[in-house]
Each structure stands twice: as structure tokens, then as C-alpha cells.
Amino acid sequence: MKSFKAEVTFSSVGLWGRCVLLIFLSAHLLFRAVARVWDMFFIGKLLLGTGIIVVTVVFHVAGLVGLAKVLPRVPLPERIWGLDAKLFGLLLTAVLGVIFVHVVESWIWALVYYGLDEFSDMETALYFSVVTSTTLGYGDLMLSAKWRILSTFEAMGGLILFGASTGFLMALVKRLIDRDQSEVK
């Protein structure tokens, strides 16, 4: 197994950086512990997959809650060239925030795959992670038979997390439309 060295201190990053660092560290420690103890046992692989889903779901929920708290505070002009700039700006900020959360989650899975020596470089591990979490599943890359069950966990987690993101964005759109309609009356 590869080892990772973190040269970053908590004081050198902001709140989001600390959250991301803790998530990466937790995921790294979790998969290494389970992989060492239950390397050959199926239950260990199930626990590892479940643990990573738990970590990514907690991160996802925290990311969406944080985004919901930040969005009302985003300073945006009301109108630009006669268009509703605030509506566009809030939706754009929300979509970019959701994409960021999904990217971090893909990195967590990629670190696990890389740490388990499933891929020789992080670019390939990240590519596989994104293809798997989106359930696109090209099939050009596969995990070894020893760890292939993990990709099913990532696909299940991806379905859940993309569903949560879609629900979040649709709730935001509904809220913004309701706000606009109440302003018109």
C-alpha cells in the first residue's frame, strides 16, 4: 500500500479546507485500517465500502447545508442589462457548489483506489471514480477481482448523492420562483 504525507497544518487552511482535510484523512485511515485487518475477507470489503459511503454522505450533507447557508449571503446585483442577475447568480453559485462537492467525493474514492494499488496514478483513479460515481460505466477500466465490489458501493453512493443534489437544486429553483412570484404581486 502507498502511504500519504500531509504537509498541511490546520492553521494554514480555512474552515472548508479543514473539513476537506478531515474527510480525506478519515477516508484514508478508514480504508487502510479495514484493508489491513480484513484484506482477504469479504466482510472487510463490505465494511470499507459502507464506511466510504458514510464519509461521502456526511460530507455531501454538510456541503449542501453549508451551501444553503452561504447562498443568501452572496452579494449579487439585482439586475444587469435588464436581466435578473440575482436569480442567475444564485443558481450558478449553487450549481458550482454542488459540482465542487461531487468532485471532492470523487477524489475520496480515487484516493482509496490509489491507496489500494488498483491504479498506478491518481489521474486514472480519478477518471475511474468519476465514471463510476456517475454510473456512466464505460468499462474501459476495471478494479481487480479482489476489490471490484468497491465500485458497486461507489455507484450506489453516486446515485444517492446525485439524487440529493438534484433535490437541493430543484428546491432552490422552486424557492426562487416563489420569491419572484410574490414580488410581482
N, C-alpha and C. Protein backbone atom coordinates (compact mmCIF):
# COMPACT_ATOMS: atom_id res chain seq x y z
N MET A 1 0.84 -1.19 0.00
CA MET A 1 0.00 0.00 0.00
C MET A 1 0.87 1.25 0.00
N LYS A 2 0.40 2.26 -0.65
CA LYS A 2 1.12 3.53 -0.67
C LYS A 2 0.80 4.30 0.59
N SER A 3 1.72 5.13 1.02
CA SER A 3 1.43 5.99 2.17
C SER A 3 1.36 7.43 1.69
N PHE A 4 0.56 8.22 2.40
CA PHE A 4 0.37 9.62 2.04
C PHE A 4 0.98 10.49 3.13
N LYS A 5 1.60 11.58 2.72
CA LYS A 5 2.16 12.53 3.68
C LYS A 5 1.43 13.84 3.54
N ALA A 6 0.95 14.36 4.65
CA ALA A 6 0.24 15.64 4.62
C ALA A 6 1.15 16.70 5.24
N GLU A 7 1.50 17.69 4.47
CA GLU A 7 2.34 18.78 4.93
C GLU A 7 1.51 20.00 5.34
N VAL A 8 0.20 19.87 5.28
CA VAL A 8 -0.69 20.99 5.55
C VAL A 8 -1.07 20.97 7.03
N THR A 9 -1.05 22.14 7.66
CA THR A 9 -1.49 22.22 9.06
C THR A 9 -2.87 22.85 9.10
N PHE A 10 -3.60 22.60 10.18
CA PHE A 10 -4.95 23.13 10.29
C PHE A 10 -4.96 24.65 10.29
N SER A 11 -3.92 25.27 10.80
CA SER A 11 -3.91 26.73 10.86
C SER A 11 -3.66 27.36 9.49
N SER A 12 -3.19 26.58 8.53
CA SER A 12 -2.86 27.16 7.22
C SER A 12 -4.01 27.10 6.23
N VAL A 13 -5.13 26.50 6.61
CA VAL A 13 -6.29 26.42 5.71
C VAL A 13 -7.53 26.95 6.42
N GLY A 14 -8.52 27.36 5.64
CA GLY A 14 -9.76 27.87 6.20
C GLY A 14 -10.67 26.75 6.67
N LEU A 15 -11.90 27.12 7.02
CA LEU A 15 -12.86 26.16 7.54
C LEU A 15 -13.16 25.05 6.54
N TRP A 16 -13.44 25.42 5.27
CA TRP A 16 -13.72 24.41 4.25
C TRP A 16 -12.51 23.54 4.03
N GLY A 17 -11.33 24.13 4.04
CA GLY A 17 -10.11 23.36 3.88
C GLY A 17 -9.93 22.36 5.00
N ARG A 18 -10.26 22.76 6.22
CA ARG A 18 -10.19 21.84 7.36
C ARG A 18 -11.16 20.69 7.20
N CYS A 19 -12.39 21.00 6.77
CA CYS A 19 -13.39 19.96 6.56
C CYS A 19 -12.92 18.97 5.50
N VAL A 20 -12.43 19.48 4.39
CA VAL A 20 -11.95 18.61 3.31
C VAL A 20 -10.76 17.79 3.79
N LEU A 21 -9.84 18.41 4.51
CA LEU A 21 -8.68 17.70 5.03
C LEU A 21 -9.10 16.59 5.98
N LEU A 22 -10.06 16.86 6.87
CA LEU A 22 -10.54 15.83 7.79
C LEU A 22 -11.23 14.69 7.06
N ILE A 23 -12.00 15.02 6.03
CA ILE A 23 -12.67 13.97 5.25
C ILE A 23 -11.64 13.08 4.57
N PHE A 24 -10.64 13.70 3.92
CA PHE A 24 -9.61 12.91 3.25
C PHE A 24 -8.84 12.05 4.25
N LEU A 25 -8.48 12.64 5.38
CA LEU A 25 -7.73 11.90 6.39
C LEU A 25 -8.57 10.75 6.94
N SER A 26 -9.85 11.01 7.22
CA SER A 26 -10.73 9.96 7.73
C SER A 26 -10.87 8.83 6.73
N ALA A 27 -11.11 9.18 5.47
CA ALA A 27 -11.26 8.16 4.43
C ALA A 27 -9.97 7.34 4.30
N HIS A 28 -8.84 8.04 4.32
CA HIS A 28 -7.56 7.36 4.19
C HIS A 28 -7.33 6.39 5.34
N LEU A 29 -7.55 6.85 6.56
CA LEU A 29 -7.35 6.00 7.73
C LEU A 29 -8.33 4.84 7.74
N LEU A 30 -9.57 5.10 7.36
CA LEU A 30 -10.59 4.05 7.33
C LEU A 30 -10.23 2.95 6.36
N PHE A 31 -9.91 3.30 5.12
CA PHE A 31 -9.65 2.24 4.16
C PHE A 31 -8.36 1.50 4.48
N ARG A 32 -7.36 2.19 5.03
CA ARG A 32 -6.11 1.49 5.37
C ARG A 32 -6.32 0.51 6.51
N ALA A 33 -7.09 0.93 7.51
CA ALA A 33 -7.34 0.04 8.66
C ALA A 33 -8.12 -1.20 8.22
N VAL A 34 -9.19 -0.98 7.50
CA VAL A 34 -10.01 -2.11 7.07
C VAL A 34 -9.24 -3.00 6.09
N ALA A 35 -8.51 -2.38 5.18
CA ALA A 35 -7.77 -3.15 4.18
C ALA A 35 -6.71 -4.03 4.84
N ARG A 36 -6.09 -3.54 5.89
CA ARG A 36 -5.05 -4.33 6.56
C ARG A 36 -5.65 -5.46 7.38
N VAL A 37 -6.71 -5.16 8.12
CA VAL A 37 -7.28 -6.16 9.02
C VAL A 37 -8.02 -7.25 8.25
N TRP A 38 -8.85 -6.84 7.29
CA TRP A 38 -9.71 -7.80 6.58
C TRP A 38 -9.41 -7.83 5.09
N ASP A 39 -8.15 -7.82 4.75
CA ASP A 39 -7.75 -7.75 3.35
C ASP A 39 -8.38 -8.86 2.52
N MET A 40 -8.44 -10.04 3.03
CA MET A 40 -8.92 -11.16 2.24
C MET A 40 -10.36 -11.55 2.56
N PHE A 41 -10.99 -10.89 3.51
CA PHE A 41 -12.34 -11.26 3.90
C PHE A 41 -13.36 -10.35 3.24
N PHE A 42 -14.40 -10.95 2.75
CA PHE A 42 -15.45 -10.20 2.06
C PHE A 42 -16.10 -9.17 2.98
N ILE A 43 -16.27 -9.50 4.24
CA ILE A 43 -16.91 -8.56 5.19
C ILE A 43 -16.09 -7.29 5.32
N GLY A 44 -14.79 -7.39 5.24
CA GLY A 44 -13.93 -6.22 5.32
C GLY A 44 -14.15 -5.28 4.14
N LYS A 45 -14.35 -5.86 2.98
CA LYS A 45 -14.62 -5.06 1.79
C LYS A 45 -15.98 -4.38 1.89
N LEU A 46 -16.96 -5.11 2.44
CA LEU A 46 -18.28 -4.52 2.64
C LEU A 46 -18.22 -3.37 3.65
N LEU A 47 -17.46 -3.57 4.71
CA LEU A 47 -17.31 -2.50 5.72
C LEU A 47 -16.58 -1.30 5.14
N LEU A 48 -15.57 -1.55 4.34
CA LEU A 48 -14.83 -0.45 3.72
C LEU A 48 -15.75 0.34 2.80
N GLY A 49 -16.48 -0.35 1.92
CA GLY A 49 -17.40 0.34 1.01
C GLY A 49 -18.47 1.12 1.77
N THR A 50 -19.02 0.51 2.80
CA THR A 50 -20.04 1.19 3.61
C THR A 50 -19.45 2.40 4.32
N GLY A 51 -18.25 2.24 4.86
CA GLY A 51 -17.60 3.36 5.55
C GLY A 51 -17.33 4.54 4.64
N ILE A 52 -16.91 4.26 3.42
CA ILE A 52 -16.64 5.35 2.48
C ILE A 52 -17.94 6.03 2.07
N ILE A 53 -19.01 5.25 1.88
CA ILE A 53 -20.30 5.86 1.59
C ILE A 53 -20.73 6.77 2.74
N VAL A 54 -20.55 6.31 3.97
CA VAL A 54 -20.92 7.13 5.13
C VAL A 54 -20.12 8.43 5.13
N VAL A 55 -18.82 8.34 4.89
CA VAL A 55 -17.98 9.54 4.86
C VAL A 55 -18.44 10.50 3.76
N THR A 56 -18.70 9.98 2.57
CA THR A 56 -19.09 10.87 1.47
C THR A 56 -20.49 11.45 1.68
N VAL A 57 -21.39 10.66 2.26
CA VAL A 57 -22.74 11.19 2.52
C VAL A 57 -22.69 12.30 3.57
N VAL A 58 -21.92 12.08 4.63
CA VAL A 58 -21.78 13.13 5.66
C VAL A 58 -21.18 14.39 5.04
N PHE A 59 -20.14 14.22 4.23
CA PHE A 59 -19.54 15.37 3.56
C PHE A 59 -20.54 16.05 2.65
N HIS A 60 -21.32 15.26 1.91
CA HIS A 60 -22.29 15.81 0.96
C HIS A 60 -23.36 16.63 1.69
N VAL A 61 -23.91 16.05 2.74
CA VAL A 61 -24.94 16.76 3.51
C VAL A 61 -24.36 18.04 4.11
N ALA A 62 -23.16 17.96 4.66
CA ALA A 62 -22.53 19.16 5.22
C ALA A 62 -22.29 20.20 4.12
N GLY A 63 -21.89 19.74 2.94
CA GLY A 63 -21.67 20.66 1.82
C GLY A 63 -22.95 21.35 1.39
N LEU A 64 -24.05 20.59 1.29
CA LEU A 64 -25.32 21.18 0.88
C LEU A 64 -25.87 22.13 1.94
N VAL A 65 -25.74 21.75 3.21
CA VAL A 65 -26.19 22.64 4.30
C VAL A 65 -25.36 23.92 4.29
N GLY A 66 -24.04 23.78 4.14
CA GLY A 66 -23.18 24.96 4.07
C GLY A 66 -23.52 25.84 2.88
N LEU A 67 -23.79 25.22 1.76
CA LEU A 67 -24.17 25.97 0.56
C LEU A 67 -25.48 26.70 0.77
N ALA A 68 -26.44 26.04 1.41
CA ALA A 68 -27.73 26.68 1.69
C ALA A 68 -27.57 27.89 2.61
N LYS A 69 -26.60 27.83 3.52
CA LYS A 69 -26.36 28.96 4.42
C LYS A 69 -25.61 30.09 3.74
N VAL A 70 -24.75 29.75 2.79
CA VAL A 70 -23.93 30.75 2.10
C VAL A 70 -24.72 31.48 1.01
N LEU A 71 -25.59 30.77 0.31
CA LEU A 71 -26.29 31.35 -0.84
C LEU A 71 -27.01 32.67 -0.53
N PRO A 72 -27.74 32.79 0.58
CA PRO A 72 -28.42 34.07 0.82
C PRO A 72 -27.46 35.25 1.05
N ARG A 73 -26.21 34.93 1.37
CA ARG A 73 -25.23 35.98 1.67
C ARG A 73 -24.37 36.37 0.47
N VAL A 74 -24.58 35.71 -0.66
CA VAL A 74 -23.78 36.01 -1.85
C VAL A 74 -24.18 37.39 -2.36
N PRO A 75 -23.21 38.32 -2.41
CA PRO A 75 -23.53 39.68 -2.88
C PRO A 75 -23.67 39.72 -4.40
N LEU A 76 -24.88 39.92 -4.85
CA LEU A 76 -25.14 39.97 -6.29
C LEU A 76 -26.02 41.17 -6.61
N PRO A 77 -25.79 41.78 -7.75
CA PRO A 77 -26.68 42.88 -8.15
C PRO A 77 -28.05 42.33 -8.53
N GLU A 78 -29.07 43.15 -8.37
CA GLU A 78 -30.43 42.70 -8.69
C GLU A 78 -30.61 42.50 -10.20
N ARG A 79 -30.14 43.46 -10.99
CA ARG A 79 -30.36 43.38 -12.43
C ARG A 79 -29.09 43.83 -13.17
N ILE A 80 -28.83 43.16 -14.28
CA ILE A 80 -27.77 43.56 -15.20
C ILE A 80 -28.36 43.50 -16.59
N TRP A 81 -28.29 44.60 -17.31
CA TRP A 81 -28.83 44.71 -18.67
C TRP A 81 -30.29 44.26 -18.74
N GLY A 82 -31.03 44.56 -17.71
CA GLY A 82 -32.45 44.23 -17.68
C GLY A 82 -32.77 42.79 -17.31
N LEU A 83 -31.75 41.99 -17.03
CA LEU A 83 -31.95 40.58 -16.67
C LEU A 83 -31.85 40.41 -15.16
N ASP A 84 -32.50 39.37 -14.64
CA ASP A 84 -32.47 39.08 -13.21
C ASP A 84 -31.11 38.46 -12.85
N ALA A 85 -30.15 39.29 -12.52
CA ALA A 85 -28.80 38.84 -12.24
C ALA A 85 -28.73 38.04 -10.94
N LYS A 86 -29.55 38.40 -9.97
CA LYS A 86 -29.52 37.71 -8.68
C LYS A 86 -29.97 36.25 -8.84
N LEU A 87 -31.03 36.03 -9.57
CA LEU A 87 -31.52 34.67 -9.82
C LEU A 87 -30.45 33.84 -10.53
N PHE A 88 -29.90 34.39 -11.61
CA PHE A 88 -28.86 33.69 -12.37
C PHE A 88 -27.63 33.43 -11.50
N GLY A 89 -27.22 34.43 -10.75
CA GLY A 89 -26.03 34.29 -9.90
C GLY A 89 -26.20 33.26 -8.81
N LEU A 90 -27.37 33.21 -8.18
CA LEU A 90 -27.62 32.22 -7.14
C LEU A 90 -27.64 30.80 -7.71
N LEU A 91 -28.29 30.64 -8.85
CA LEU A 91 -28.32 29.30 -9.47
C LEU A 91 -26.93 28.86 -9.91
N LEU A 92 -26.18 29.77 -10.49
CA LEU A 92 -24.82 29.44 -10.92
C LEU A 92 -23.95 29.08 -9.72
N THR A 93 -24.04 29.85 -8.65
CA THR A 93 -23.27 29.57 -7.44
C THR A 93 -23.65 28.21 -6.86
N ALA A 94 -24.95 27.92 -6.83
CA ALA A 94 -25.42 26.64 -6.30
C ALA A 94 -24.91 25.47 -7.14
N VAL A 95 -25.00 25.59 -8.45
CA VAL A 95 -24.55 24.50 -9.33
C VAL A 95 -23.05 24.29 -9.17
N LEU A 96 -22.27 25.37 -9.14
CA LEU A 96 -20.82 25.23 -8.96
C LEU A 96 -20.49 24.62 -7.59
N GLY A 97 -21.24 25.01 -6.56
CA GLY A 97 -21.04 24.43 -5.24
C GLY A 97 -21.32 22.94 -5.22
N VAL A 98 -22.40 22.53 -5.86
CA VAL A 98 -22.75 21.11 -5.93
C VAL A 98 -21.69 20.34 -6.71
N ILE A 99 -21.22 20.90 -7.81
CA ILE A 99 -20.17 20.25 -8.59
C ILE A 99 -18.91 20.08 -7.73
N PHE A 100 -18.56 21.11 -6.97
CA PHE A 100 -17.38 21.03 -6.09
C PHE A 100 -17.53 19.88 -5.10
N VAL A 101 -18.71 19.76 -4.49
CA VAL A 101 -18.94 18.69 -3.51
C VAL A 101 -18.76 17.33 -4.18
N HIS A 102 -19.29 17.15 -5.38
CA HIS A 102 -19.14 15.87 -6.08
C HIS A 102 -17.69 15.60 -6.47
N VAL A 103 -16.96 16.63 -6.84
CA VAL A 103 -15.55 16.45 -7.19
C VAL A 103 -14.76 15.97 -5.98
N VAL A 104 -15.00 16.57 -4.82
CA VAL A 104 -14.30 16.14 -3.60
C VAL A 104 -14.62 14.68 -3.30
N GLU A 105 -15.88 14.31 -3.45
CA GLU A 105 -16.26 12.91 -3.20
C GLU A 105 -15.59 11.95 -4.17
N SER A 106 -15.44 12.36 -5.42
CA SER A 106 -14.73 11.52 -6.40
C SER A 106 -13.26 11.38 -6.01
N TRP A 107 -12.68 12.45 -5.49
CA TRP A 107 -11.30 12.40 -5.03
C TRP A 107 -11.14 11.43 -3.85
N ILE A 108 -12.13 11.42 -2.96
CA ILE A 108 -12.06 10.49 -1.82
C ILE A 108 -11.99 9.05 -2.32
N TRP A 109 -12.90 8.69 -3.23
CA TRP A 109 -12.88 7.33 -3.80
C TRP A 109 -11.58 7.09 -4.56
N ALA A 110 -11.12 8.06 -5.32
CA ALA A 110 -9.88 7.89 -6.09
C ALA A 110 -8.70 7.63 -5.17
N LEU A 111 -8.65 8.32 -4.04
CA LEU A 111 -7.58 8.09 -3.08
C LEU A 111 -7.62 6.66 -2.53
N VAL A 112 -8.82 6.17 -2.31
CA VAL A 112 -8.97 4.79 -1.84
C VAL A 112 -8.43 3.82 -2.90
N TYR A 113 -8.87 3.98 -4.14
CA TYR A 113 -8.41 3.08 -5.21
C TYR A 113 -6.89 3.15 -5.38
N TYR A 114 -6.38 4.36 -5.33
CA TYR A 114 -4.93 4.54 -5.49
C TYR A 114 -4.18 3.92 -4.31
N GLY A 115 -4.70 4.14 -3.11
CA GLY A 115 -4.08 3.57 -1.92
C GLY A 115 -4.10 2.05 -1.88
N LEU A 116 -5.09 1.47 -2.53
CA LEU A 116 -5.17 0.00 -2.60
C LEU A 116 -4.37 -0.56 -3.78
N ASP A 117 -3.63 0.30 -4.45
CA ASP A 117 -2.81 -0.08 -5.62
C ASP A 117 -3.64 -0.61 -6.78
N GLU A 118 -4.85 -0.12 -6.91
CA GLU A 118 -5.70 -0.54 -8.04
C GLU A 118 -5.33 0.21 -9.32
N PHE A 119 -4.76 1.40 -9.16
CA PHE A 119 -4.34 2.19 -10.32
C PHE A 119 -2.95 2.74 -10.04
N SER A 120 -2.17 2.90 -11.09
CA SER A 120 -0.78 3.33 -10.92
C SER A 120 -0.63 4.83 -10.76
N ASP A 121 -1.66 5.61 -11.11
CA ASP A 121 -1.57 7.06 -10.98
C ASP A 121 -2.93 7.62 -10.56
N MET A 122 -2.90 8.81 -9.97
CA MET A 122 -4.13 9.42 -9.47
C MET A 122 -5.07 9.84 -10.59
N GLU A 123 -4.54 10.23 -11.73
CA GLU A 123 -5.41 10.64 -12.84
C GLU A 123 -6.33 9.49 -13.27
N THR A 124 -5.76 8.30 -13.38
CA THR A 124 -6.56 7.14 -13.77
C THR A 124 -7.55 6.78 -12.68
N ALA A 125 -7.11 6.85 -11.43
CA ALA A 125 -8.01 6.55 -10.31
C ALA A 125 -9.17 7.54 -10.26
N LEU A 126 -8.88 8.81 -10.51
CA LEU A 126 -9.93 9.83 -10.50
C LEU A 126 -10.88 9.63 -11.68
N TYR A 127 -10.34 9.33 -12.83
CA TYR A 127 -11.18 9.06 -14.00
C TYR A 127 -12.14 7.90 -13.71
N PHE A 128 -11.60 6.81 -13.18
CA PHE A 128 -12.44 5.66 -12.86
C PHE A 128 -13.50 6.04 -11.83
N SER A 129 -13.12 6.82 -10.84
CA SER A 129 -14.05 7.23 -9.80
C SER A 129 -15.21 8.06 -10.36
N VAL A 130 -14.89 9.02 -11.21
CA VAL A 130 -15.94 9.87 -11.79
C VAL A 130 -16.87 9.04 -12.68
N VAL A 131 -16.30 8.18 -13.51
CA VAL A 131 -17.11 7.33 -14.39
C VAL A 131 -18.01 6.41 -13.56
N THR A 132 -17.50 5.93 -12.44
CA THR A 132 -18.28 5.02 -11.60
C THR A 132 -19.34 5.76 -10.80
N SER A 133 -18.98 6.90 -10.20
CA SER A 133 -19.95 7.62 -9.36
C SER A 133 -21.10 8.19 -10.17
N THR A 134 -20.86 8.49 -11.41
CA THR A 134 -21.94 8.99 -12.27
C THR A 134 -22.73 7.84 -12.89
N THR A 135 -22.32 6.63 -12.61
CA THR A 135 -22.87 5.38 -13.17
C THR A 135 -22.79 5.35 -14.69
N LEU A 136 -21.87 6.10 -15.25
CA LEU A 136 -21.64 6.08 -16.69
C LEU A 136 -21.09 4.71 -17.10
N GLY A 137 -20.07 4.26 -16.35
CA GLY A 137 -19.55 2.92 -16.50
C GLY A 137 -19.08 2.54 -17.90
N TYR A 138 -18.10 3.24 -18.44
CA TYR A 138 -17.59 2.91 -19.77
C TYR A 138 -17.10 1.47 -19.86
N GLY A 139 -16.46 0.98 -18.81
CA GLY A 139 -15.93 -0.37 -18.85
C GLY A 139 -14.52 -0.46 -19.38
N ASP A 140 -13.91 0.69 -19.69
CA ASP A 140 -12.53 0.65 -20.19
C ASP A 140 -11.53 0.39 -19.07
N LEU A 141 -11.91 0.67 -17.84
CA LEU A 141 -11.08 0.37 -16.68
C LEU A 141 -11.92 -0.42 -15.68
N MET A 142 -11.28 -1.35 -15.02
CA MET A 142 -11.99 -2.13 -14.00
C MET A 142 -11.06 -2.36 -12.82
N LEU A 143 -11.67 -2.52 -11.65
CA LEU A 143 -10.89 -2.90 -10.48
C LEU A 143 -10.55 -4.38 -10.58
N SER A 144 -9.53 -4.78 -9.84
CA SER A 144 -9.19 -6.20 -9.80
C SER A 144 -10.32 -6.96 -9.14
N ALA A 145 -10.35 -8.26 -9.37
CA ALA A 145 -11.41 -9.09 -8.78
C ALA A 145 -11.42 -8.96 -7.26
N LYS A 146 -10.26 -8.72 -6.68
CA LYS A 146 -10.13 -8.61 -5.22
C LYS A 146 -10.93 -7.43 -4.67
N TRP A 147 -10.98 -6.30 -5.39
CA TRP A 147 -11.61 -5.09 -4.88
C TRP A 147 -12.79 -4.60 -5.72
N ARG A 148 -13.25 -5.36 -6.68
CA ARG A 148 -14.30 -4.88 -7.58
C ARG A 148 -15.61 -4.55 -6.89
N ILE A 149 -15.87 -5.14 -5.73
CA ILE A 149 -17.11 -4.84 -5.00
C ILE A 149 -17.17 -3.36 -4.61
N LEU A 150 -16.01 -2.72 -4.43
CA LEU A 150 -15.99 -1.30 -4.05
C LEU A 150 -16.64 -0.41 -5.10
N SER A 151 -16.47 -0.76 -6.37
CA SER A 151 -17.05 0.08 -7.41
C SER A 151 -18.57 0.07 -7.34
N THR A 152 -19.16 -1.04 -6.89
CA THR A 152 -20.62 -1.07 -6.75
C THR A 152 -21.07 -0.14 -5.63
N PHE A 153 -20.28 -0.05 -4.58
CA PHE A 153 -20.60 0.88 -3.50
C PHE A 153 -20.51 2.32 -3.97
N GLU A 154 -19.49 2.63 -4.77
CA GLU A 154 -19.39 3.99 -5.28
C GLU A 154 -20.56 4.33 -6.20
N ALA A 155 -20.97 3.39 -7.02
CA ALA A 155 -22.11 3.63 -7.91
C ALA A 155 -23.39 3.84 -7.10
N MET A 156 -23.60 3.02 -6.06
CA MET A 156 -24.79 3.21 -5.20
C MET A 156 -24.75 4.57 -4.52
N GLY A 157 -23.59 4.91 -3.99
CA GLY A 157 -23.44 6.21 -3.33
C GLY A 157 -23.65 7.35 -4.31
N GLY A 158 -23.13 7.20 -5.52
CA GLY A 158 -23.30 8.23 -6.54
C GLY A 158 -24.76 8.47 -6.86
N LEU A 159 -25.53 7.39 -7.00
CA LEU A 159 -26.97 7.54 -7.25
C LEU A 159 -27.64 8.33 -6.13
N ILE A 160 -27.33 7.98 -4.91
CA ILE A 160 -27.93 8.66 -3.76
C ILE A 160 -27.53 10.13 -3.72
N LEU A 161 -26.25 10.39 -3.92
CA LEU A 161 -25.74 11.77 -3.79
C LEU A 161 -26.18 12.65 -4.95
N PHE A 162 -26.24 12.12 -6.15
CA PHE A 162 -26.75 12.92 -7.28
C PHE A 162 -28.23 13.19 -7.10
N GLY A 163 -28.95 12.23 -6.52
CA GLY A 163 -30.36 12.46 -6.21
C GLY A 163 -30.54 13.57 -5.19
N ALA A 164 -29.70 13.57 -4.15
CA ALA A 164 -29.76 14.63 -3.14
C ALA A 164 -29.42 15.98 -3.76
N SER A 165 -28.44 16.01 -4.63
CA SER A 165 -28.06 17.26 -5.29
C SER A 165 -29.18 17.78 -6.18
N THR A 166 -29.82 16.87 -6.91
CA THR A 166 -30.93 17.26 -7.77
C THR A 166 -32.07 17.82 -6.93
N GLY A 167 -32.39 17.15 -5.83
CA GLY A 167 -33.44 17.64 -4.94
C GLY A 167 -33.11 19.01 -4.38
N PHE A 168 -31.86 19.21 -4.01
CA PHE A 168 -31.41 20.51 -3.48
C PHE A 168 -31.58 21.60 -4.53
N LEU A 169 -31.14 21.34 -5.75
CA LEU A 169 -31.23 22.36 -6.80
C LEU A 169 -32.69 22.63 -7.19
N MET A 170 -33.51 21.60 -7.22
CA MET A 170 -34.93 21.81 -7.56
C MET A 170 -35.64 22.59 -6.45
N ALA A 171 -35.30 22.32 -5.19
CA ALA A 171 -35.89 23.08 -4.09
C ALA A 171 -35.46 24.55 -4.18
N LEU A 172 -34.21 24.79 -4.55
CA LEU A 172 -33.73 26.16 -4.71
C LEU A 172 -34.47 26.86 -5.84
N VAL A 173 -34.63 26.19 -6.97
CA VAL A 173 -35.35 26.79 -8.10
C VAL A 173 -36.78 27.12 -7.70
N LYS A 174 -37.45 26.19 -7.01
CA LYS A 174 -38.83 26.45 -6.57
C LYS A 174 -38.89 27.65 -5.63
N ARG A 175 -37.95 27.72 -4.72
CA ARG A 175 -37.92 28.84 -3.77
C ARG A 175 -37.69 30.17 -4.49
N LEU A 176 -36.80 30.18 -5.46
CA LEU A 176 -36.52 31.41 -6.21
C LEU A 176 -37.72 31.81 -7.07
N ILE A 177 -38.39 30.83 -7.67
CA ILE A 177 -39.58 31.14 -8.47
C ILE A 177 -40.69 31.67 -7.57
N ASP A 178 -40.89 31.03 -6.41
CA ASP A 178 -41.90 31.51 -5.46
C ASP A 178 -41.60 32.93 -5.00
N ARG A 179 -40.32 33.22 -4.77
CA ARG A 179 -39.90 34.56 -4.36
C ARG A 179 -40.21 35.58 -5.43
N ASP A 180 -39.90 35.23 -6.67
CA ASP A 180 -40.17 36.14 -7.79
C ASP A 180 -41.67 36.38 -7.97
N GLN A 181 -42.46 35.33 -7.82
CA GLN A 181 -43.91 35.47 -7.99
C GLN A 181 -44.52 36.32 -6.87
N SER A 182 -43.98 36.20 -5.66
CA SER A 182 -44.51 37.02 -4.56
C SER A 182 -44.12 38.48 -4.71
N GLU A 183 -42.99 38.75 -5.36
CA GLU A 183 -42.56 40.13 -5.60
C GLU A 183 -43.40 40.78 -6.67
N VAL A 184 -43.91 40.00 -7.62
CA VAL A 184 -44.71 40.52 -8.71
C VAL A 184 -46.09 40.94 -8.20
N LYS A 185 -46.62 40.22 -7.23
CA LYS A 185 -47.98 40.51 -6.72
C LYS A 185 -48.05 41.76 -5.94
